[in-house]
């Protein structure tokens, strides 16, 4: 698999783990706690595979940027978190930054 595929799996696993963490109620509920721990384990393992060929800074910037936007979207859709205009503008800037980095940076392996 390509580094981007491993990174995508890592992002999805991290988003699932982070989104489930609230349901752990401080890791007092076993089911959500297991999902959270397993999600982070998968996320870090897949990130390590992506880092075999992808620069660490680039991979982490993509992971964190995309993860922030996805977790905020899930919190908005399923947990009732309100997103005001500054929050949405900030996330749009994060997405723009990830796009600019991937399209124009010579640091990113294309």
N, C-alpha and C. Protein backbone atom coordinates (compact mmCIF):
# COMPACT_ATOMS: atom_id res chain seq x y z
N UNK A 1 0.84 -1.19 0.00
CA UNK A 1 0.00 0.00 0.00
C UNK A 1 0.88 1.24 0.00
N UNK A 2 0.32 2.33 -0.47
CA UNK A 2 1.08 3.57 -0.50
C UNK A 2 1.06 4.25 0.87
N UNK A 3 1.97 5.19 1.04
CA UNK A 3 2.03 5.93 2.30
C UNK A 3 0.72 6.66 2.54
N UNK A 4 0.10 7.19 1.49
CA UNK A 4 -1.16 7.90 1.66
C UNK A 4 -2.29 6.96 2.09
N UNK A 5 -2.27 5.74 1.63
CA UNK A 5 -3.29 4.77 2.05
C UNK A 5 -3.13 4.44 3.53
N UNK A 6 -1.87 4.20 3.96
CA UNK A 6 -1.62 3.95 5.38
C UNK A 6 -2.02 5.16 6.22
N UNK A 7 -1.71 6.34 5.71
CA UNK A 7 -2.05 7.56 6.44
C UNK A 7 -3.57 7.72 6.54
N UNK A 8 -4.28 7.41 5.48
CA UNK A 8 -5.75 7.50 5.50
C UNK A 8 -6.34 6.55 6.54
N UNK A 9 -5.82 5.33 6.58
CA UNK A 9 -6.30 4.37 7.59
C UNK A 9 -5.98 4.88 8.99
N UNK A 10 -4.79 5.44 9.17
CA UNK A 10 -4.40 5.99 10.47
C UNK A 10 -5.34 7.12 10.88
N UNK A 11 -5.69 7.97 9.95
CA UNK A 11 -6.59 9.09 10.26
C UNK A 11 -7.97 8.58 10.65
N UNK A 12 -8.51 7.65 9.89
CA UNK A 12 -9.83 7.10 10.21
C UNK A 12 -9.83 6.43 11.58
N UNK A 13 -8.79 5.65 11.87
CA UNK A 13 -8.70 4.98 13.18
C UNK A 13 -8.60 6.00 14.31
N UNK A 14 -7.83 7.05 14.11
CA UNK A 14 -7.69 8.08 15.14
C UNK A 14 -8.99 8.84 15.35
N UNK A 15 -9.70 9.12 14.27
CA UNK A 15 -10.97 9.83 14.38
C UNK A 15 -11.99 8.96 15.12
N UNK A 16 -12.03 7.68 14.83
CA UNK A 16 -12.94 6.77 15.55
C UNK A 16 -12.56 6.74 17.03
N UNK A 17 -11.27 6.61 17.33
CA UNK A 17 -10.82 6.55 18.72
C UNK A 17 -11.17 7.84 19.47
N UNK A 18 -10.89 8.97 18.87
CA UNK A 18 -11.15 10.25 19.51
C UNK A 18 -12.65 10.49 19.69
N UNK A 19 -13.43 10.14 18.69
CA UNK A 19 -14.88 10.34 18.76
C UNK A 19 -15.53 9.42 19.79
N UNK A 20 -14.93 8.29 20.03
CA UNK A 20 -15.46 7.33 21.00
C UNK A 20 -15.04 7.67 22.43
N UNK A 21 -13.98 8.44 22.57
CA UNK A 21 -13.43 8.70 23.90
C UNK A 21 -14.44 9.32 24.86
N UNK A 22 -15.29 10.19 24.39
CA UNK A 22 -16.29 10.80 25.26
C UNK A 22 -17.19 9.74 25.90
N UNK A 23 -17.52 8.71 25.12
CA UNK A 23 -18.41 7.65 25.61
C UNK A 23 -17.73 6.75 26.65
N UNK A 24 -16.40 6.84 26.78
CA UNK A 24 -15.72 6.02 27.79
C UNK A 24 -16.02 6.50 29.21
N UNK A 25 -16.48 7.75 29.32
CA UNK A 25 -16.75 8.37 30.62
C UNK A 25 -15.55 8.19 31.56
N UNK A 26 -14.41 8.69 31.07
CA UNK A 26 -13.19 8.61 31.87
C UNK A 26 -12.62 7.20 31.94
N UNK A 27 -12.84 6.43 30.90
CA UNK A 27 -12.39 5.04 30.80
C UNK A 27 -13.03 4.16 31.88
N UNK A 28 -14.27 4.48 32.24
CA UNK A 28 -15.01 3.66 33.19
C UNK A 28 -15.97 2.71 32.50
N UNK A 29 -16.17 2.87 31.20
CA UNK A 29 -17.03 1.97 30.43
C UNK A 29 -16.14 1.15 29.51
N UNK A 30 -16.22 -0.16 29.63
CA UNK A 30 -15.28 -1.06 28.97
C UNK A 30 -15.39 -1.06 27.44
N UNK A 31 -16.60 -1.12 26.91
CA UNK A 31 -16.77 -1.19 25.45
C UNK A 31 -16.16 -0.01 24.72
N UNK A 32 -16.62 1.22 25.03
CA UNK A 32 -16.02 2.38 24.37
C UNK A 32 -14.53 2.53 24.68
N UNK A 33 -14.11 2.12 25.87
CA UNK A 33 -12.69 2.20 26.22
C UNK A 33 -11.85 1.30 25.31
N UNK A 34 -12.34 0.10 25.05
CA UNK A 34 -11.62 -0.82 24.16
C UNK A 34 -11.55 -0.28 22.74
N UNK A 35 -12.65 0.32 22.27
CA UNK A 35 -12.66 0.91 20.93
C UNK A 35 -11.64 2.05 20.85
N UNK A 36 -11.60 2.87 21.89
CA UNK A 36 -10.66 3.99 21.90
C UNK A 36 -9.22 3.51 21.88
N UNK A 37 -8.88 2.59 22.75
CA UNK A 37 -7.51 2.08 22.82
C UNK A 37 -7.13 1.37 21.52
N UNK A 38 -8.01 0.53 21.01
CA UNK A 38 -7.72 -0.18 19.76
C UNK A 38 -7.57 0.80 18.60
N UNK A 39 -8.43 1.81 18.57
CA UNK A 39 -8.35 2.80 17.50
C UNK A 39 -7.02 3.53 17.49
N UNK A 40 -6.56 3.93 18.67
CA UNK A 40 -5.25 4.60 18.73
C UNK A 40 -4.11 3.64 18.38
N UNK A 41 -4.22 2.39 18.79
CA UNK A 41 -3.17 1.42 18.45
C UNK A 41 -3.08 1.25 16.93
N UNK A 42 -4.22 1.09 16.28
CA UNK A 42 -4.24 0.96 14.82
C UNK A 42 -3.71 2.25 14.18
N UNK A 43 -4.14 3.39 14.70
CA UNK A 43 -3.73 4.67 14.13
C UNK A 43 -2.21 4.84 14.18
N UNK A 44 -1.62 4.58 15.33
CA UNK A 44 -0.17 4.76 15.45
C UNK A 44 0.60 3.72 14.62
N UNK A 45 0.10 2.51 14.56
CA UNK A 45 0.77 1.50 13.74
C UNK A 45 0.74 1.91 12.26
N UNK A 46 -0.42 2.30 11.77
CA UNK A 46 -0.53 2.70 10.35
C UNK A 46 0.25 3.97 10.07
N UNK A 47 0.27 4.91 11.02
CA UNK A 47 1.09 6.10 10.84
C UNK A 47 2.56 5.72 10.73
N UNK A 48 3.00 4.76 11.53
CA UNK A 48 4.40 4.34 11.46
C UNK A 48 4.73 3.74 10.09
N UNK A 49 3.75 3.05 9.49
CA UNK A 49 3.98 2.49 8.15
C UNK A 49 4.03 3.60 7.10
N UNK A 50 3.20 4.62 7.26
CA UNK A 50 3.23 5.76 6.33
C UNK A 50 4.56 6.49 6.42
N UNK A 51 5.12 6.55 7.62
CA UNK A 51 6.37 7.28 7.83
C UNK A 51 7.59 6.59 7.25
N UNK A 52 7.41 5.36 6.76
CA UNK A 52 8.53 4.69 6.09
C UNK A 52 8.98 5.48 4.86
N UNK A 53 8.04 6.09 4.16
CA UNK A 53 8.39 6.80 2.93
C UNK A 53 7.93 8.25 2.91
N UNK A 54 7.15 8.68 3.89
CA UNK A 54 6.62 10.04 3.91
C UNK A 54 7.34 10.83 5.00
N UNK A 55 7.69 12.09 4.72
CA UNK A 55 8.33 12.90 5.76
C UNK A 55 7.42 13.06 6.98
N UNK A 56 8.01 12.99 8.16
CA UNK A 56 7.25 13.05 9.41
C UNK A 56 6.40 14.32 9.51
N UNK A 57 6.98 15.46 9.24
CA UNK A 57 6.26 16.73 9.35
C UNK A 57 5.06 16.81 8.43
N UNK A 58 5.23 16.32 7.22
CA UNK A 58 4.13 16.33 6.25
C UNK A 58 3.03 15.37 6.69
N UNK A 59 3.42 14.17 7.07
CA UNK A 59 2.42 13.18 7.50
C UNK A 59 1.65 13.68 8.71
N UNK A 60 2.35 14.25 9.66
CA UNK A 60 1.69 14.71 10.88
C UNK A 60 0.78 15.91 10.59
N UNK A 61 1.20 16.78 9.71
CA UNK A 61 0.37 17.93 9.34
C UNK A 61 -0.93 17.47 8.68
N UNK A 62 -0.82 16.49 7.81
CA UNK A 62 -2.02 15.96 7.15
C UNK A 62 -2.90 15.25 8.17
N UNK A 63 -2.29 14.39 8.99
CA UNK A 63 -3.02 13.64 9.99
C UNK A 63 -3.78 14.60 10.92
N UNK A 64 -3.07 15.55 11.48
CA UNK A 64 -3.71 16.43 12.46
C UNK A 64 -4.74 17.34 11.81
N UNK A 65 -4.45 17.88 10.64
CA UNK A 65 -5.40 18.77 9.96
C UNK A 65 -6.68 18.07 9.58
N UNK A 66 -6.55 16.96 8.91
CA UNK A 66 -7.74 16.20 8.48
C UNK A 66 -8.47 15.66 9.71
N UNK A 67 -7.71 15.18 10.69
CA UNK A 67 -8.32 14.66 11.91
C UNK A 67 -9.13 15.70 12.65
N UNK A 68 -8.60 16.92 12.77
CA UNK A 68 -9.32 18.01 13.44
C UNK A 68 -10.66 18.25 12.77
N UNK A 69 -10.64 18.36 11.46
CA UNK A 69 -11.87 18.66 10.73
C UNK A 69 -12.87 17.51 10.85
N UNK A 70 -12.41 16.28 10.71
CA UNK A 70 -13.32 15.14 10.81
C UNK A 70 -13.90 14.98 12.21
N UNK A 71 -13.07 15.12 13.24
CA UNK A 71 -13.57 14.98 14.61
C UNK A 71 -14.57 16.10 14.91
N UNK A 72 -14.28 17.31 14.48
CA UNK A 72 -15.22 18.41 14.71
C UNK A 72 -16.53 18.16 13.97
N UNK A 73 -16.46 17.61 12.77
CA UNK A 73 -17.68 17.30 12.01
C UNK A 73 -18.50 16.21 12.69
N UNK A 74 -17.84 15.21 13.21
CA UNK A 74 -18.54 14.14 13.93
C UNK A 74 -19.15 14.69 15.22
N UNK A 75 -18.40 15.51 15.93
CA UNK A 75 -18.92 16.10 17.17
C UNK A 75 -20.14 16.98 16.87
N UNK A 76 -20.12 17.67 15.76
CA UNK A 76 -21.25 18.50 15.35
C UNK A 76 -22.44 17.63 14.97
N UNK A 77 -22.20 16.59 14.18
CA UNK A 77 -23.29 15.76 13.66
C UNK A 77 -23.91 14.81 14.67
N UNK A 78 -23.07 14.22 15.53
CA UNK A 78 -23.57 13.17 16.42
C UNK A 78 -23.57 13.54 17.90
N UNK A 79 -22.78 14.54 18.27
CA UNK A 79 -22.71 14.89 19.69
C UNK A 79 -23.32 16.25 19.99
N UNK A 80 -23.85 16.90 18.97
CA UNK A 80 -24.54 18.17 19.17
C UNK A 80 -23.63 19.36 19.44
N UNK A 81 -22.35 19.25 19.13
CA UNK A 81 -21.43 20.38 19.32
C UNK A 81 -21.77 21.47 18.33
N UNK A 82 -21.84 22.68 18.81
CA UNK A 82 -22.12 23.81 17.92
C UNK A 82 -20.82 24.34 17.35
N UNK A 83 -20.84 24.65 16.08
CA UNK A 83 -19.68 25.24 15.41
C UNK A 83 -20.08 26.63 14.93
N UNK A 84 -19.40 27.64 15.45
CA UNK A 84 -19.70 29.00 15.01
C UNK A 84 -18.86 29.34 13.77
N UNK A 85 -19.08 30.53 13.25
CA UNK A 85 -18.41 30.93 12.01
C UNK A 85 -16.88 30.94 12.17
N UNK A 86 -16.33 31.47 13.27
CA UNK A 86 -14.87 31.41 13.40
C UNK A 86 -14.33 29.98 13.41
N UNK A 87 -15.04 29.06 14.04
CA UNK A 87 -14.60 27.66 14.06
C UNK A 87 -14.60 27.08 12.65
N UNK A 88 -15.66 27.34 11.91
CA UNK A 88 -15.74 26.81 10.54
C UNK A 88 -14.69 27.47 9.64
N UNK A 89 -14.46 28.77 9.84
CA UNK A 89 -13.43 29.45 9.06
C UNK A 89 -12.05 28.88 9.37
N UNK A 90 -11.79 28.63 10.64
CA UNK A 90 -10.51 28.04 11.03
C UNK A 90 -10.31 26.67 10.40
N UNK A 91 -11.36 25.86 10.40
CA UNK A 91 -11.24 24.53 9.78
C UNK A 91 -11.06 24.64 8.27
N UNK A 92 -11.70 25.62 7.65
CA UNK A 92 -11.50 25.83 6.21
C UNK A 92 -10.04 26.19 5.93
N UNK A 93 -9.45 26.99 6.81
CA UNK A 93 -8.04 27.34 6.64
C UNK A 93 -7.13 26.12 6.83
N UNK A 94 -7.50 25.24 7.76
CA UNK A 94 -6.72 24.01 7.94
C UNK A 94 -6.78 23.17 6.68
N UNK A 95 -7.97 23.00 6.12
CA UNK A 95 -8.12 22.23 4.88
C UNK A 95 -7.32 22.87 3.76
N UNK A 96 -7.41 24.20 3.65
CA UNK A 96 -6.66 24.91 2.61
C UNK A 96 -5.16 24.68 2.79
N UNK A 97 -4.69 24.71 4.03
CA UNK A 97 -3.27 24.48 4.29
C UNK A 97 -2.82 23.10 3.87
N UNK A 98 -3.63 22.08 4.16
CA UNK A 98 -3.29 20.71 3.75
C UNK A 98 -3.26 20.60 2.23
N UNK A 99 -4.22 21.22 1.57
CA UNK A 99 -4.27 21.19 0.10
C UNK A 99 -3.06 21.90 -0.49
N UNK A 100 -2.75 23.10 -0.01
CA UNK A 100 -1.60 23.86 -0.52
C UNK A 100 -0.31 23.07 -0.32
N UNK A 101 -0.16 22.49 0.86
CA UNK A 101 1.04 21.71 1.16
C UNK A 101 1.18 20.54 0.19
N UNK A 102 0.08 19.84 -0.06
CA UNK A 102 0.15 18.66 -0.93
C UNK A 102 0.31 19.02 -2.40
N UNK A 103 -0.23 20.14 -2.82
CA UNK A 103 -0.13 20.50 -4.23
C UNK A 103 1.16 21.23 -4.58
N UNK A 104 1.69 22.02 -3.66
CA UNK A 104 2.77 22.91 -4.02
C UNK A 104 4.10 22.69 -3.29
N UNK A 105 4.10 21.98 -2.20
CA UNK A 105 5.33 21.80 -1.43
C UNK A 105 6.24 20.78 -2.11
N UNK A 106 7.51 21.12 -2.16
CA UNK A 106 8.50 20.19 -2.68
C UNK A 106 8.87 19.15 -1.62
N UNK A 107 8.39 19.34 -0.38
CA UNK A 107 8.65 18.40 0.70
C UNK A 107 7.79 17.15 0.60
N UNK A 108 6.67 17.25 -0.12
CA UNK A 108 5.73 16.15 -0.23
C UNK A 108 6.14 15.28 -1.42
N UNK A 109 6.27 13.99 -1.18
CA UNK A 109 6.59 13.07 -2.26
C UNK A 109 5.34 12.82 -3.08
N UNK A 110 5.37 13.18 -4.34
CA UNK A 110 4.20 12.99 -5.22
C UNK A 110 4.35 11.75 -6.06
